[in-house]
Amino acid sequence: MQIDVNQRKVLGGPHQTMEDRPVYFVELRQGYACSWCEKKENLLVLVPHPLSPVKTRQLIHPREGEIVGRVTGVAMRLAEMARVHGASVNS
């Protein structure tokens, strides 16, 4: 994962597409999260993808969670993804 630590401020919308919307790497007191975010006063709202089973979370900022930076790149193994989703690697 590539993170731009200079982009720690939540950018407001509106965003044209889901791909347009910035994803942030957030340090939680007991772990990490990658999520779209909204800032409302002292709350940091972690907004999951609409197809995700994860619920929206509200954190007191910065006590419960702090933005490390904006995710600008991701690398993943495609063979692993194909197996997880039931697709044949030789399709």
PDB file of N, CA and C in Angstrom:
ATOM      1  N   MET A   1       0.849  -1.158   0.000  1.00  0.00           N
ATOM      2  CA  MET A   1       0.000   0.000   0.000  1.00  0.00           C
ATOM      3  C   MET A   1       0.900   1.228   0.000  1.00  0.00           C
ATOM      4  N   GLN A   2       0.520   2.219  -0.792  1.00  0.00           N
ATOM      5  CA  GLN A   2       1.258   3.477  -0.847  1.00  0.00           C
ATOM      6  C   GLN A   2       0.383   4.552  -0.204  1.00  0.00           C
ATOM      7  N   ILE A   3       0.973   5.272   0.744  1.00  0.00           N
ATOM      8  CA  ILE A   3       0.231   6.281   1.500  1.00  0.00           C
ATOM      9  C   ILE A   3       0.959   7.612   1.390  1.00  0.00           C
ATOM     10  N   ASP A   4       0.228   8.655   1.032  1.00  0.00           N
ATOM     11  CA  ASP A   4       0.781  10.010   0.998  1.00  0.00           C
ATOM     12  C   ASP A   4       0.501  10.652   2.353  1.00  0.00           C
ATOM     13  N   VAL A   5       1.528  10.700   3.203  1.00  0.00           N
ATOM     14  CA  VAL A   5       1.348  11.231   4.562  1.00  0.00           C
ATOM     15  C   VAL A   5       1.174  12.745   4.577  1.00  0.00           C
ATOM     16  N   ASN A   6       1.359  13.394   3.442  1.00  0.00           N
ATOM     17  CA  ASN A   6       1.129  14.836   3.355  1.00  0.00           C
ATOM     18  C   ASN A   6      -0.342  15.168   3.147  1.00  0.00           C
ATOM     19  N   GLN A   7      -1.152  14.161   2.840  1.00  0.00           N
ATOM     20  CA  GLN A   7      -2.595  14.369   2.639  1.00  0.00           C
ATOM     21  C   GLN A   7      -3.352  13.755   3.817  1.00  0.00           C
ATOM     22  N   ARG A   8      -3.409  14.498   4.901  1.00  0.00           N
ATOM     23  CA  ARG A   8      -4.043  14.008   6.128  1.00  0.00           C
ATOM     24  C   ARG A   8      -5.375  14.690   6.414  1.00  0.00           C
ATOM     25  N   LYS A   9      -5.755  15.633   5.572  1.00  0.00           N
ATOM     26  CA  LYS A   9      -6.996  16.371   5.763  1.00  0.00           C
ATOM     27  C   LYS A   9      -8.082  15.763   4.879  1.00  0.00           C
ATOM     28  N   VAL A  10      -9.258  15.531   5.441  1.00  0.00           N
ATOM     29  CA  VAL A  10     -10.365  14.947   4.691  1.00  0.00           C
ATOM     30  C   VAL A  10     -10.859  15.945   3.652  1.00  0.00           C
ATOM     31  N   LEU A  11     -10.864  15.511   2.390  1.00  0.00           N
ATOM     32  CA  LEU A  11     -11.379  16.349   1.313  1.00  0.00           C
ATOM     33  C   LEU A  11     -12.885  16.191   1.218  1.00  0.00           C
ATOM     34  N   GLY A  12     -13.590  17.313   1.176  1.00  0.00           N
ATOM     35  CA  GLY A  12     -15.041  17.270   1.053  1.00  0.00           C
ATOM     36  C   GLY A  12     -15.459  16.992  -0.378  1.00  0.00           C
ATOM     37  N   GLY A  13     -16.694  16.656  -0.571  1.00  0.00           N
ATOM     38  CA  GLY A  13     -17.212  16.338  -1.904  1.00  0.00           C
ATOM     39  C   GLY A  13     -17.792  17.572  -2.544  1.00  0.00           C
ATOM     40  N   PRO A  14     -18.630  17.428  -3.499  1.00  0.00           N
ATOM     41  CA  PRO A  14     -19.115  16.129  -3.981  1.00  0.00           C
ATOM     42  C   PRO A  14     -18.089  15.473  -4.908  1.00  0.00           C
ATOM     43  N   HIS A  15     -18.130  14.148  -4.958  1.00  0.00           N
ATOM     44  CA  HIS A  15     -17.247  13.378  -5.817  1.00  0.00           C
ATOM     45  C   HIS A  15     -18.087  12.801  -6.951  1.00  0.00           C
ATOM     46  N   GLN A  16     -17.524  12.794  -8.151  1.00  0.00           N
ATOM     47  CA  GLN A  16     -18.260  12.343  -9.337  1.00  0.00           C
ATOM     48  C   GLN A  16     -18.522  10.836  -9.335  1.00  0.00           C
ATOM     49  N   THR A  17     -17.530  10.064  -8.875  1.00  0.00           N
ATOM     50  CA  THR A  17     -17.655   8.605  -8.847  1.00  0.00           C
ATOM     51  C   THR A  17     -17.058   8.076  -7.548  1.00  0.00           C
ATOM     52  N   MET A  18     -17.280   6.785  -7.276  1.00  0.00           N
ATOM     53  CA  MET A  18     -16.682   6.175  -6.090  1.00  0.00           C
ATOM     54  C   MET A  18     -15.157   6.160  -6.211  1.00  0.00           C
ATOM     55  N   GLU A  19     -14.656   5.996  -7.432  1.00  0.00           N
ATOM     56  CA  GLU A  19     -13.212   5.976  -7.645  1.00  0.00           C
ATOM     57  C   GLU A  19     -12.584   7.349  -7.406  1.00  0.00           C
ATOM     58  N   ASP A  20     -13.373   8.390  -7.546  1.00  0.00           N
ATOM     59  CA  ASP A  20     -12.937   9.772  -7.299  1.00  0.00           C
ATOM     60  C   ASP A  20     -12.733  10.063  -5.816  1.00  0.00           C
ATOM     61  N   ARG A  21     -13.490   9.383  -5.004  1.00  0.00           N
ATOM     62  CA  ARG A  21     -13.514   9.670  -3.578  1.00  0.00           C
ATOM     63  C   ARG A  21     -12.227   9.174  -2.915  1.00  0.00           C
ATOM     64  N   PRO A  22     -11.525  10.035  -2.176  1.00  0.00           N
ATOM     65  CA  PRO A  22     -10.256   9.625  -1.565  1.00  0.00           C
ATOM     66  C   PRO A  22     -10.450   8.578  -0.468  1.00  0.00           C
ATOM     67  N   VAL A  23      -9.515   7.628  -0.423  1.00  0.00           N
ATOM     68  CA  VAL A  23      -9.483   6.600   0.615  1.00  0.00           C
ATOM     69  C   VAL A  23      -8.330   6.963   1.551  1.00  0.00           C
ATOM     70  N   TYR A  24      -8.576   6.867   2.843  1.00  0.00           N
ATOM     71  CA  TYR A  24      -7.575   7.238   3.840  1.00  0.00           C
ATOM     72  C   TYR A  24      -7.160   6.033   4.672  1.00  0.00           C
ATOM     73  N   PHE A  25      -5.896   6.041   5.097  1.00  0.00           N
ATOM     74  CA  PHE A  25      -5.370   5.040   6.019  1.00  0.00           C
ATOM     75  C   PHE A  25      -5.472   5.644   7.404  1.00  0.00           C
ATOM     76  N   VAL A  26      -6.242   5.014   8.277  1.00  0.00           N
ATOM     77  CA  VAL A  26      -6.550   5.580   9.592  1.00  0.00           C
ATOM     78  C   VAL A  26      -5.949   4.701  10.687  1.00  0.00           C
ATOM     79  N   GLU A  27      -5.199   5.327  11.584  1.00  0.00           N
ATOM     80  CA  GLU A  27      -4.666   4.605  12.735  1.00  0.00           C
ATOM     81  C   GLU A  27      -5.697   4.663  13.852  1.00  0.00           C
ATOM     82  N   LEU A  28      -6.118   3.490  14.282  1.00  0.00           N
ATOM     83  CA  LEU A  28      -7.057   3.366  15.390  1.00  0.00           C
ATOM     84  C   LEU A  28      -6.255   3.018  16.639  1.00  0.00           C
ATOM     85  N   ARG A  29      -6.841   3.140  17.784  1.00  0.00           N
ATOM     86  CA  ARG A  29      -6.111   2.837  19.013  1.00  0.00           C
ATOM     87  C   ARG A  29      -5.790   1.344  19.103  1.00  0.00           C
ATOM     88  N   GLN A  30      -6.571   0.504  18.411  1.00  0.00           N
ATOM     89  CA  GLN A  30      -6.302  -0.936  18.434  1.00  0.00           C
ATOM     90  C   GLN A  30      -6.295  -1.503  17.024  1.00  0.00           C
ATOM     91  N   GLY A  31      -5.581  -0.869  16.121  1.00  0.00           N
ATOM     92  CA  GLY A  31      -5.477  -1.381  14.762  1.00  0.00           C
ATOM     93  C   GLY A  31      -5.474  -0.267  13.733  1.00  0.00           C
ATOM     94  N   TYR A  32      -5.849  -0.647  12.518  1.00  0.00           N
ATOM     95  CA  TYR A  32      -5.854   0.283  11.392  1.00  0.00           C
ATOM     96  C   TYR A  32      -7.116   0.067  10.570  1.00  0.00           C
ATOM     97  N   ALA A  33      -7.446   1.056   9.734  1.00  0.00           N
ATOM     98  CA  ALA A  33      -8.567   0.938   8.800  1.00  0.00           C
ATOM     99  C   ALA A  33      -8.221   1.711   7.533  1.00  0.00           C
ATOM    100  N   CYS A  34      -8.734   1.230   6.421  1.00  0.00           N
ATOM    101  CA  CYS A  34      -8.681   1.959   5.148  1.00  0.00           C
ATOM    102  C   CYS A  34     -10.122   2.272   4.810  1.00  0.00           C
ATOM    103  N   SER A  35     -10.423   3.538   4.590  1.00  0.00           N
ATOM    104  CA  SER A  35     -11.821   3.879   4.412  1.00  0.00           C
ATOM    105  C   SER A  35     -11.985   5.253   3.780  1.00  0.00           C
ATOM    106  N   TRP A  36     -13.153   5.443   3.179  1.00  0.00           N
ATOM    107  CA  TRP A  36     -13.565   6.789   2.857  1.00  0.00           C
ATOM    108  C   TRP A  36     -13.849   7.446   4.197  1.00  0.00           C
ATOM    109  N   CYS A  37     -13.649   8.738   4.301  1.00  0.00           N
ATOM    110  CA  CYS A  37     -13.851   9.424   5.575  1.00  0.00           C
ATOM    111  C   CYS A  37     -14.635  10.711   5.392  1.00  0.00           C
ATOM    112  N   GLU A  38     -15.329  11.078   6.440  1.00  0.00           N
ATOM    113  CA  GLU A  38     -15.993  12.374   6.535  1.00  0.00           C
ATOM    114  C   GLU A  38     -15.603  12.955   7.879  1.00  0.00           C
ATOM    115  N   LYS A  39     -15.483  14.261   7.938  1.00  0.00           N
ATOM    116  CA  LYS A  39     -15.132  14.945   9.191  1.00  0.00           C
ATOM    117  C   LYS A  39     -16.311  15.804   9.603  1.00  0.00           C
ATOM    118  N   LYS A  40     -16.782  15.612  10.827  1.00  0.00           N
ATOM    119  CA  LYS A  40     -17.890  16.396  11.379  1.00  0.00           C
ATOM    120  C   LYS A  40     -17.478  16.862  12.766  1.00  0.00           C
ATOM    121  N   GLU A  41     -17.055  18.127  12.837  1.00  0.00           N
ATOM    122  CA  GLU A  41     -16.544  18.717  14.078  1.00  0.00           C
ATOM    123  C   GLU A  41     -15.432  17.848  14.637  1.00  0.00           C
ATOM    124  N   ASN A  42     -15.609  17.254  15.827  1.00  0.00           N
ATOM    125  CA  ASN A  42     -14.538  16.429  16.404  1.00  0.00           C
ATOM    126  C   ASN A  42     -14.721  14.938  16.085  1.00  0.00           C
ATOM    127  N   LEU A  43     -15.618  14.609  15.164  1.00  0.00           N
ATOM    128  CA  LEU A  43     -15.831  13.218  14.781  1.00  0.00           C
ATOM    129  C   LEU A  43     -15.192  12.915  13.439  1.00  0.00           C
ATOM    130  N   LEU A  44     -14.576  11.750  13.357  1.00  0.00           N
ATOM    131  CA  LEU A  44     -14.074  11.213  12.108  1.00  0.00           C
ATOM    132  C   LEU A  44     -14.985  10.036  11.774  1.00  0.00           C
ATOM    133  N   VAL A  45     -15.682  10.132  10.665  1.00  0.00           N
ATOM    134  CA  VAL A  45     -16.641   9.094  10.268  1.00  0.00           C
ATOM    135  C   VAL A  45     -15.993   8.229   9.198  1.00  0.00           C
ATOM    136  N   LEU A  46     -15.886   6.920   9.472  1.00  0.00           N
ATOM    137  CA  LEU A  46     -15.356   5.968   8.506  1.00  0.00           C
ATOM    138  C   LEU A  46     -16.531   5.404   7.717  1.00  0.00           C
ATOM    139  N   VAL A  47     -16.533   5.641   6.411  1.00  0.00           N
ATOM    140  CA  VAL A  47     -17.651   5.268   5.544  1.00  0.00           C
ATOM    141  C   VAL A  47     -17.237   4.061   4.699  1.00  0.00           C
ATOM    142  N   PRO A  48     -17.879   2.902   4.903  1.00  0.00           N
ATOM    143  CA  PRO A  48     -17.521   1.716   4.122  1.00  0.00           C
ATOM    144  C   PRO A  48     -18.080   1.777   2.700  1.00  0.00           C
ATOM    145  N   HIS A  49     -17.518   0.953   1.826  1.00  0.00           N
ATOM    146  CA  HIS A  49     -18.032   0.792   0.465  1.00  0.00           C
ATOM    147  C   HIS A  49     -19.468   0.281   0.575  1.00  0.00           C
ATOM    148  N   PRO A  50     -20.362   0.686  -0.323  1.00  0.00           N
ATOM    149  CA  PRO A  50     -21.761   0.255  -0.235  1.00  0.00           C
ATOM    150  C   PRO A  50     -21.957  -1.269  -0.247  1.00  0.00           C
ATOM    151  N   LEU A  51     -21.043  -2.019  -0.846  1.00  0.00           N
ATOM    152  CA  LEU A  51     -21.169  -3.477  -0.888  1.00  0.00           C
ATOM    153  C   LEU A  51     -20.510  -4.166   0.303  1.00  0.00           C
ATOM    154  N   SER A  52     -19.872  -3.400   1.163  1.00  0.00           N
ATOM    155  CA  SER A  52     -19.192  -3.969   2.323  1.00  0.00           C
ATOM    156  C   SER A  52     -20.189  -4.295   3.431  1.00  0.00           C
ATOM    157  N   PRO A  53     -19.945  -5.387   4.147  1.00  0.00           N
ATOM    158  CA  PRO A  53     -20.805  -5.704   5.297  1.00  0.00           C
ATOM    159  C   PRO A  53     -20.450  -4.871   6.537  1.00  0.00           C
ATOM    160  N   VAL A  54     -19.357  -4.109   6.474  1.00  0.00           N
ATOM    161  CA  VAL A  54     -18.912  -3.290   7.608  1.00  0.00           C
ATOM    162  C   VAL A  54     -19.836  -2.095   7.771  1.00  0.00           C
ATOM    163  N   LYS A  55     -20.139  -1.751   9.006  1.00  0.00           N
ATOM    164  CA  LYS A  55     -20.994  -0.599   9.291  1.00  0.00           C
ATOM    165  C   LYS A  55     -20.162   0.681   9.385  1.00  0.00           C
ATOM    166  N   THR A  56     -20.820   1.813   9.180  1.00  0.00           N
ATOM    167  CA  THR A  56     -20.200   3.119   9.357  1.00  0.00           C
ATOM    168  C   THR A  56     -19.764   3.247  10.810  1.00  0.00           C
ATOM    169  N   ARG A  57     -18.560   3.799  11.027  1.00  0.00           N
ATOM    170  CA  ARG A  57     -18.052   3.996  12.387  1.00  0.00           C
ATOM    171  C   ARG A  57     -17.770   5.474  12.623  1.00  0.00           C
ATOM    172  N   GLN A  58     -18.074   5.937  13.820  1.00  0.00           N
ATOM    173  CA  GLN A  58     -17.762   7.303  14.215  1.00  0.00           C
ATOM    174  C   GLN A  58     -16.721   7.259  15.318  1.00  0.00           C
ATOM    175  N   LEU A  59     -15.632   7.996  15.103  1.00  0.00           N
ATOM    176  CA  LEU A  59     -14.545   8.029  16.074  1.00  0.00           C
ATOM    177  C   LEU A  59     -14.340   9.459  16.552  1.00  0.00           C
ATOM    178  N   ILE A  60     -14.001   9.616  17.814  1.00  0.00           N
ATOM    179  CA  ILE A  60     -13.641  10.942  18.317  1.00  0.00           C
ATOM    180  C   ILE A  60     -12.222  11.215  17.838  1.00  0.00           C
ATOM    181  N   HIS A  61     -12.083  12.290  17.075  1.00  0.00           N
ATOM    182  CA  HIS A  61     -10.800  12.629  16.473  1.00  0.00           C
ATOM    183  C   HIS A  61     -10.067  13.642  17.337  1.00  0.00           C
ATOM    184  N   PRO A  62      -8.828  13.479  17.664  1.00  0.00           N
ATOM    185  CA  PRO A  62      -7.918  12.403  17.292  1.00  0.00           C
ATOM    186  C   PRO A  62      -7.779  11.319  18.353  1.00  0.00           C
ATOM    187  N   ARG A  63      -8.576  11.359  19.402  1.00  0.00           N
ATOM    188  CA  ARG A  63      -8.414  10.418  20.518  1.00  0.00           C
ATOM    189  C   ARG A  63      -8.603   8.963  20.106  1.00  0.00           C
ATOM    190  N   GLU A  64      -9.612   8.658  19.294  1.00  0.00           N
ATOM    191  CA  GLU A  64      -9.901   7.267  18.935  1.00  0.00           C
ATOM    192  C   GLU A  64      -9.365   6.866  17.560  1.00  0.00           C
ATOM    193  N   GLY A  65      -9.054   7.837  16.736  1.00  0.00           N
ATOM    194  CA  GLY A  65      -8.531   7.537  15.409  1.00  0.00           C
ATOM    195  C   GLY A  65      -7.957   8.769  14.761  1.00  0.00           C
ATOM    196  N   GLU A  66      -6.896   8.548  13.978  1.00  0.00           N
ATOM    197  CA  GLU A  66      -6.216   9.664  13.332  1.00  0.00           C
ATOM    198  C   GLU A  66      -5.797   9.260  11.926  1.00  0.00           C
ATOM    199  N   ILE A  67      -5.962  10.160  10.980  1.00  0.00           N
ATOM    200  CA  ILE A  67      -5.601   9.877   9.595  1.00  0.00           C
ATOM    201  C   ILE A  67      -4.081   9.915   9.453  1.00  0.00           C
ATOM    202  N   VAL A  68      -3.523   8.799   8.957  1.00  0.00           N
ATOM    203  CA  VAL A  68      -2.087   8.714   8.692  1.00  0.00           C
ATOM    204  C   VAL A  68      -1.794   9.387   7.362  1.00  0.00           C
ATOM    205  N   GLY A  69      -2.679   9.183   6.393  1.00  0.00           N
ATOM    206  CA  GLY A  69      -2.513   9.773   5.072  1.00  0.00           C
ATOM    207  C   GLY A  69      -3.508   9.198   4.085  1.00  0.00           C
ATOM    208  N   ARG A  70      -3.436   9.704   2.870  1.00  0.00           N
ATOM    209  CA  ARG A  70      -4.330   9.250   1.800  1.00  0.00           C
ATOM    210  C   ARG A  70      -3.702   8.066   1.071  1.00  0.00           C
ATOM    211  N   VAL A  71      -4.493   7.034   0.831  1.00  0.00           N
ATOM    212  CA  VAL A  71      -4.018   5.879   0.082  1.00  0.00           C
ATOM    213  C   VAL A  71      -3.935   6.293  -1.385  1.00  0.00           C
ATOM    214  N   THR A  72      -2.738   6.168  -1.957  1.00  0.00           N
ATOM    215  CA  THR A  72      -2.529   6.579  -3.342  1.00  0.00           C
ATOM    216  C   THR A  72      -2.186   5.406  -4.254  1.00  0.00           C
ATOM    217  N   GLY A  73      -1.932   4.237  -3.676  1.00  0.00           N
ATOM    218  CA  GLY A  73      -1.630   3.065  -4.487  1.00  0.00           C
ATOM    219  C   GLY A  73      -1.797   1.792  -3.691  1.00  0.00           C
ATOM    220  N   VAL A  74      -2.158   0.725  -4.402  1.00  0.00           N
ATOM    221  CA  VAL A  74      -2.342  -0.588  -3.773  1.00  0.00           C
ATOM    222  C   VAL A  74      -1.792  -1.643  -4.715  1.00  0.00           C
ATOM    223  N   ALA A  75      -1.093  -2.621  -4.174  1.00  0.00           N
ATOM    224  CA  ALA A  75      -0.620  -3.760  -4.959  1.00  0.00           C
ATOM    225  C   ALA A  75      -1.236  -5.013  -4.362  1.00  0.00           C
ATOM    226  N   MET A  76      -1.683  -5.920  -5.232  1.00  0.00           N
ATOM    227  CA  MET A  76      -2.273  -7.164  -4.731  1.00  0.00           C
ATOM    228  C   MET A  76      -1.970  -8.293  -5.701  1.00  0.00           C
ATOM    229  N   ARG A  77      -2.031  -9.493  -5.215  1.00  0.00           N
ATOM    230  CA  ARG A  77      -1.824 -10.669  -6.037  1.00  0.00           C
ATOM    231  C   ARG A  77      -3.140 -11.042  -6.701  1.00  0.00           C
ATOM    232  N   LEU A  78      -3.171 -11.029  -8.009  1.00  0.00           N
ATOM    233  CA  LEU A  78      -4.397 -11.332  -8.741  1.00  0.00           C
ATOM    234  C   LEU A  78      -4.773 -12.802  -8.651  1.00  0.00           C
ATOM    235  N   ALA A  79      -3.799 -13.705  -8.606  1.00  0.00           N
ATOM    236  CA  ALA A  79      -4.101 -15.134  -8.500  1.00  0.00           C
ATOM    237  C   ALA A  79      -4.846 -15.426  -7.209  1.00  0.00           C
ATOM    238  N   GLU A  80      -4.457 -14.773  -6.131  1.00  0.00           N
ATOM    239  CA  GLU A  80      -5.130 -14.954  -4.845  1.00  0.00           C
ATOM    240  C   GLU A  80      -6.563 -14.444  -4.924  1.00  0.00           C
ATOM    241  N   MET A  81      -6.773 -13.294  -5.567  1.00  0.00           N
ATOM    242  CA  MET A  81      -8.112 -12.716  -5.683  1.00  0.00           C
ATOM    243  C   MET A  81      -9.016 -13.632  -6.512  1.00  0.00           C
ATOM    244  N   ALA A  82      -8.495 -14.202  -7.595  1.00  0.00           N
ATOM    245  CA  ALA A  82      -9.292 -15.074  -8.444  1.00  0.00           C
ATOM    246  C   ALA A  82      -9.755 -16.296  -7.671  1.00  0.00           C
ATOM    247  N   ARG A  83      -8.879 -16.872  -6.864  1.00  0.00           N
ATOM    248  CA  ARG A  83      -9.242 -18.050  -6.083  1.00  0.00           C
ATOM    249  C   ARG A  83     -10.292 -17.708  -5.033  1.00  0.00           C
ATOM    250  N   VAL A  84     -10.157 -16.570  -4.394  1.00  0.00           N
ATOM    251  CA  VAL A  84     -11.118 -16.140  -3.372  1.00  0.00           C
ATOM    252  C   VAL A  84     -12.507 -15.949  -3.965  1.00  0.00           C
ATOM    253  N   HIS A  85     -12.565 -15.399  -5.172  1.00  0.00           N
ATOM    254  CA  HIS A  85     -13.852 -15.109  -5.801  1.00  0.00           C
ATOM    255  C   HIS A  85     -14.361 -16.256  -6.669  1.00  0.00           C
ATOM    256  N   GLY A  86     -13.681 -17.403  -6.650  1.00  0.00           N
ATOM    257  CA  GLY A  86     -14.156 -18.573  -7.360  1.00  0.00           C
ATOM    258  C   GLY A  86     -13.884 -18.578  -8.854  1.00  0.00           C
ATOM    259  N   ALA A  87     -13.080 -17.655  -9.350  1.00  0.00           N
ATOM    260  CA  ALA A  87     -12.772 -17.602 -10.779  1.00  0.00           C
ATOM    261  C   ALA A  87     -11.563 -18.468 -11.067  1.00  0.00           C
ATOM    262  N   SER A  88     -11.491 -18.962 -12.280  1.00  0.00           N
ATOM    263  CA  SER A  88     -10.351 -19.758 -12.706  1.00  0.00           C
ATOM    264  C   SER A  88      -9.219 -18.817 -13.110  1.00  0.00           C
ATOM    265  N   VAL A  89      -8.011 -19.156 -12.702  1.00  0.00           N
ATOM    266  CA  VAL A  89      -6.855 -18.332 -13.033  1.00  0.00           C
ATOM    267  C   VAL A  89      -6.556 -18.430 -14.541  1.00  0.00           C
ATOM    268  N   ASN A  90      -6.934 -19.531 -15.183  1.00  0.00           N
ATOM    269  CA  ASN A  90      -6.646 -19.743 -16.615  1.00  0.00           C
ATOM    270  C   ASN A  90      -7.794 -19.340 -17.509  1.00  0.00           C
ATOM    271  N   SER A  91      -8.744 -18.569 -17.037  1.00  0.00           N
ATOM    272  CA  SER A  91      -9.922 -18.198 -17.844  1.00  0.00           C
ATOM    273  C   SER A  91      -9.545 -17.347 -19.022  1.00  0.00           C
TER     274      SER A  91
END
